[in-house]
Amino acid sequence: EANVIIQVNSHFGARRQEAQRLGRILRPKKGSVPGVVNAFMYTLISRDTDEQFYSAKRQQFLIDQGYDFEVIDALDERAEEAGEE
């Protein structure tokens, strides 16, 4: 049973669709410890695109639904470091 979702392109997907995906990954798994969440959902968004705007709307919807949210923006720095080697 999966505990990670990597969403590469959501095609301007609806907020509820994203919440459904997150809900699927958060369902209790066999052998899981009650009250401990060991599930992750990553969404890759390109900067300066229309998708960035829609992603922000989906983020706010998930926050309003009570989900914790973290934006990881360090990938640019890692890519630059790799290019310097």
N, C-alpha and C. Protein backbone atom coordinates (compact mmCIF):
# COMPACT_ATOMS: atom_id res chain seq x y z
N GLU A 1 0.84 -1.18 0.00
CA GLU A 1 0.00 0.00 0.00
C GLU A 1 0.88 1.24 0.00
N ALA A 2 0.56 2.16 -0.86
CA ALA A 2 1.38 3.36 -1.03
C ALA A 2 1.22 4.33 0.14
N ASN A 3 2.30 5.05 0.43
CA ASN A 3 2.22 6.12 1.42
C ASN A 3 2.81 7.42 0.87
N VAL A 4 3.05 7.46 -0.45
CA VAL A 4 3.58 8.67 -1.10
C VAL A 4 2.86 8.87 -2.43
N ILE A 5 2.47 10.11 -2.68
CA ILE A 5 1.94 10.50 -4.00
C ILE A 5 2.85 11.59 -4.53
N ILE A 6 3.25 11.45 -5.79
CA ILE A 6 4.00 12.51 -6.46
C ILE A 6 3.15 12.95 -7.64
N GLN A 7 2.63 14.15 -7.55
CA GLN A 7 1.76 14.71 -8.58
C GLN A 7 2.61 15.64 -9.45
N VAL A 8 2.83 15.26 -10.68
CA VAL A 8 3.72 16.03 -11.54
C VAL A 8 2.98 17.11 -12.29
N ASN A 9 1.81 16.81 -12.78
CA ASN A 9 1.06 17.80 -13.54
C ASN A 9 -0.41 17.59 -13.22
N SER A 10 -1.03 18.59 -12.64
CA SER A 10 -2.42 18.42 -12.23
C SER A 10 -3.40 18.98 -13.25
N HIS A 11 -2.90 19.53 -14.35
CA HIS A 11 -3.77 20.05 -15.42
C HIS A 11 -4.85 20.98 -14.87
N PHE A 12 -4.45 21.87 -13.99
CA PHE A 12 -5.37 22.83 -13.39
C PHE A 12 -6.51 22.11 -12.67
N GLY A 13 -6.21 20.97 -12.04
CA GLY A 13 -7.21 20.13 -11.39
C GLY A 13 -8.00 20.85 -10.32
N ALA A 14 -9.16 20.32 -10.07
CA ALA A 14 -10.06 20.91 -9.09
C ALA A 14 -9.52 20.69 -7.68
N ARG A 15 -9.91 21.58 -6.79
CA ARG A 15 -9.47 21.50 -5.39
C ARG A 15 -9.94 20.21 -4.75
N ARG A 16 -11.16 19.81 -5.05
CA ARG A 16 -11.70 18.58 -4.44
C ARG A 16 -10.95 17.34 -4.93
N GLN A 17 -10.53 17.35 -6.18
CA GLN A 17 -9.75 16.21 -6.69
C GLN A 17 -8.46 16.06 -5.90
N GLU A 18 -7.81 17.17 -5.63
CA GLU A 18 -6.56 17.12 -4.87
C GLU A 18 -6.83 16.63 -3.45
N ALA A 19 -7.90 17.09 -2.85
CA ALA A 19 -8.26 16.64 -1.50
C ALA A 19 -8.56 15.13 -1.50
N GLN A 20 -9.19 14.63 -2.56
CA GLN A 20 -9.47 13.20 -2.66
C GLN A 20 -8.17 12.39 -2.76
N ARG A 21 -7.23 12.88 -3.55
CA ARG A 21 -5.94 12.20 -3.66
C ARG A 21 -5.25 12.13 -2.30
N LEU A 22 -5.27 13.25 -1.62
CA LEU A 22 -4.64 13.30 -0.30
C LEU A 22 -5.36 12.38 0.68
N GLY A 23 -6.66 12.36 0.62
CA GLY A 23 -7.44 11.48 1.49
C GLY A 23 -7.13 10.01 1.25
N ARG A 24 -6.91 9.64 0.00
CA ARG A 24 -6.58 8.24 -0.32
C ARG A 24 -5.27 7.83 0.31
N ILE A 25 -4.28 8.69 0.24
CA ILE A 25 -2.97 8.34 0.77
C ILE A 25 -2.97 8.35 2.30
N LEU A 26 -3.89 9.10 2.90
CA LEU A 26 -3.95 9.18 4.36
C LEU A 26 -4.79 8.07 5.00
N ARG A 27 -5.47 7.26 4.20
CA ARG A 27 -6.26 6.16 4.76
C ARG A 27 -5.37 5.25 5.59
N PRO A 28 -5.89 4.74 6.71
CA PRO A 28 -5.09 3.83 7.55
C PRO A 28 -4.61 2.61 6.75
N LYS A 29 -3.38 2.23 6.98
CA LYS A 29 -2.77 1.09 6.32
C LYS A 29 -2.62 -0.05 7.32
N LYS A 30 -2.48 -1.26 6.82
CA LYS A 30 -2.23 -2.41 7.68
C LYS A 30 -0.94 -2.16 8.47
N GLY A 31 -0.99 -2.43 9.76
CA GLY A 31 0.19 -2.30 10.59
C GLY A 31 0.53 -0.87 10.99
N SER A 32 -0.31 0.09 10.63
CA SER A 32 -0.01 1.48 10.99
C SER A 32 -0.32 1.72 12.46
N VAL A 33 0.38 2.68 13.03
CA VAL A 33 0.18 3.04 14.43
C VAL A 33 -0.92 4.09 14.50
N PRO A 34 -1.97 3.85 15.29
CA PRO A 34 -3.06 4.84 15.40
C PRO A 34 -2.53 6.22 15.83
N GLY A 35 -2.99 7.24 15.12
CA GLY A 35 -2.60 8.61 15.45
C GLY A 35 -1.29 9.06 14.82
N VAL A 36 -0.57 8.16 14.17
CA VAL A 36 0.70 8.50 13.53
C VAL A 36 0.48 8.50 12.02
N VAL A 37 0.75 9.64 11.40
CA VAL A 37 0.58 9.76 9.95
C VAL A 37 1.93 9.57 9.29
N ASN A 38 2.00 8.62 8.40
CA ASN A 38 3.23 8.35 7.66
C ASN A 38 2.90 8.35 6.17
N ALA A 39 2.36 9.47 5.70
CA ALA A 39 1.97 9.60 4.30
C ALA A 39 2.36 10.99 3.81
N PHE A 40 2.77 11.03 2.55
CA PHE A 40 3.24 12.30 1.98
C PHE A 40 2.69 12.47 0.58
N MET A 41 2.40 13.72 0.23
CA MET A 41 1.96 14.05 -1.12
C MET A 41 2.82 15.22 -1.60
N TYR A 42 3.48 15.00 -2.72
CA TYR A 42 4.32 16.04 -3.31
C TYR A 42 3.68 16.47 -4.62
N THR A 43 3.66 17.77 -4.85
CA THR A 43 3.18 18.32 -6.11
C THR A 43 4.28 19.18 -6.70
N LEU A 44 4.69 18.88 -7.92
CA LEU A 44 5.72 19.66 -8.60
C LEU A 44 5.05 20.72 -9.45
N ILE A 45 5.40 21.96 -9.22
CA ILE A 45 4.81 23.10 -9.93
C ILE A 45 5.94 23.93 -10.55
N SER A 46 5.81 24.29 -11.80
CA SER A 46 6.78 25.17 -12.45
C SER A 46 6.48 26.61 -12.09
N ARG A 47 7.52 27.34 -11.83
CA ARG A 47 7.36 28.77 -11.52
C ARG A 47 6.92 29.56 -12.75
N ASP A 48 6.28 30.69 -12.45
CA ASP A 48 5.88 31.64 -13.49
C ASP A 48 4.99 30.99 -14.55
N THR A 49 4.09 30.12 -14.10
CA THR A 49 3.13 29.49 -15.01
C THR A 49 1.74 29.69 -14.44
N ASP A 50 0.74 29.47 -15.27
CA ASP A 50 -0.64 29.53 -14.78
C ASP A 50 -0.87 28.50 -13.69
N GLU A 51 -0.20 27.36 -13.78
CA GLU A 51 -0.37 26.30 -12.80
C GLU A 51 0.00 26.77 -11.39
N GLN A 52 0.95 27.68 -11.28
CA GLN A 52 1.34 28.20 -9.98
C GLN A 52 0.16 28.91 -9.30
N PHE A 53 -0.60 29.65 -10.06
CA PHE A 53 -1.78 30.35 -9.53
C PHE A 53 -2.81 29.34 -9.04
N TYR A 54 -3.11 28.33 -9.86
CA TYR A 54 -4.12 27.34 -9.48
C TYR A 54 -3.65 26.49 -8.30
N SER A 55 -2.37 26.23 -8.26
CA SER A 55 -1.82 25.46 -7.14
C SER A 55 -2.02 26.21 -5.82
N ALA A 56 -1.83 27.51 -5.84
CA ALA A 56 -2.04 28.31 -4.62
C ALA A 56 -3.48 28.22 -4.14
N LYS A 57 -4.41 28.20 -5.07
CA LYS A 57 -5.83 28.06 -4.70
C LYS A 57 -6.09 26.68 -4.08
N ARG A 58 -5.49 25.64 -4.67
CA ARG A 58 -5.67 24.30 -4.12
C ARG A 58 -5.03 24.19 -2.74
N GLN A 59 -3.87 24.82 -2.57
CA GLN A 59 -3.21 24.82 -1.26
C GLN A 59 -4.12 25.42 -0.20
N GLN A 60 -4.69 26.56 -0.51
CA GLN A 60 -5.55 27.24 0.47
C GLN A 60 -6.76 26.38 0.81
N PHE A 61 -7.32 25.70 -0.18
CA PHE A 61 -8.45 24.82 0.07
C PHE A 61 -8.06 23.71 1.05
N LEU A 62 -6.89 23.10 0.85
CA LEU A 62 -6.44 22.03 1.75
C LEU A 62 -6.20 22.56 3.16
N ILE A 63 -5.63 23.74 3.26
CA ILE A 63 -5.41 24.36 4.58
C ILE A 63 -6.75 24.61 5.25
N ASP A 64 -7.72 25.11 4.50
CA ASP A 64 -9.07 25.35 5.05
C ASP A 64 -9.73 24.06 5.51
N GLN A 65 -9.35 22.93 4.90
CA GLN A 65 -9.90 21.63 5.28
C GLN A 65 -9.17 21.03 6.49
N GLY A 66 -8.12 21.71 6.96
CA GLY A 66 -7.41 21.26 8.16
C GLY A 66 -6.12 20.51 7.91
N TYR A 67 -5.68 20.43 6.66
CA TYR A 67 -4.43 19.73 6.35
C TYR A 67 -3.24 20.65 6.63
N ASP A 68 -2.14 20.05 7.09
CA ASP A 68 -0.89 20.79 7.23
C ASP A 68 -0.24 20.87 5.86
N PHE A 69 0.48 21.93 5.63
CA PHE A 69 1.04 22.17 4.31
C PHE A 69 2.41 22.79 4.44
N GLU A 70 3.34 22.34 3.63
CA GLU A 70 4.68 22.92 3.61
C GLU A 70 5.12 23.07 2.17
N VAL A 71 5.62 24.24 1.82
CA VAL A 71 6.14 24.49 0.48
C VAL A 71 7.66 24.35 0.55
N ILE A 72 8.19 23.47 -0.30
CA ILE A 72 9.64 23.28 -0.37
C ILE A 72 10.12 23.97 -1.63
N ASP A 73 10.96 24.97 -1.45
CA ASP A 73 11.38 25.80 -2.57
C ASP A 73 12.89 25.69 -2.79
N ALA A 74 13.54 24.75 -2.13
CA ALA A 74 14.99 24.65 -2.19
C ALA A 74 15.51 23.89 -3.40
N LEU A 75 14.63 23.40 -4.23
CA LEU A 75 15.07 22.63 -5.38
C LEU A 75 15.91 23.47 -6.33
N ASP A 76 15.60 24.76 -6.45
CA ASP A 76 16.38 25.63 -7.32
C ASP A 76 17.83 25.70 -6.86
N GLU A 77 18.03 25.85 -5.54
CA GLU A 77 19.39 25.93 -4.99
C GLU A 77 20.13 24.63 -5.26
N ARG A 78 19.49 23.51 -5.08
CA ARG A 78 20.13 22.21 -5.32
C ARG A 78 20.51 22.07 -6.79
N ALA A 79 19.65 22.52 -7.68
CA ALA A 79 19.94 22.42 -9.12
C ALA A 79 21.13 23.30 -9.48
N GLU A 80 21.19 24.50 -8.90
CA GLU A 80 22.30 25.39 -9.18
C GLU A 80 23.62 24.80 -8.67
N GLU A 81 23.60 24.20 -7.47
CA GLU A 81 24.79 23.57 -6.92
C GLU A 81 25.26 22.43 -7.79
N ALA A 82 24.34 21.64 -8.29
CA ALA A 82 24.69 20.50 -9.15
C ALA A 82 25.29 20.99 -10.46
N GLY A 83 24.81 22.13 -10.95
CA GLY A 83 25.34 22.68 -12.21
C GLY A 83 26.73 23.25 -12.07
N GLU A 84 27.13 23.61 -10.86
CA GLU A 84 28.46 24.19 -10.63
C GLU A 84 29.54 23.13 -10.55
N GLU A 85 29.15 21.89 -10.34
CA GLU A 85 30.15 20.82 -10.19
C GLU A 85 30.74 20.40 -11.50
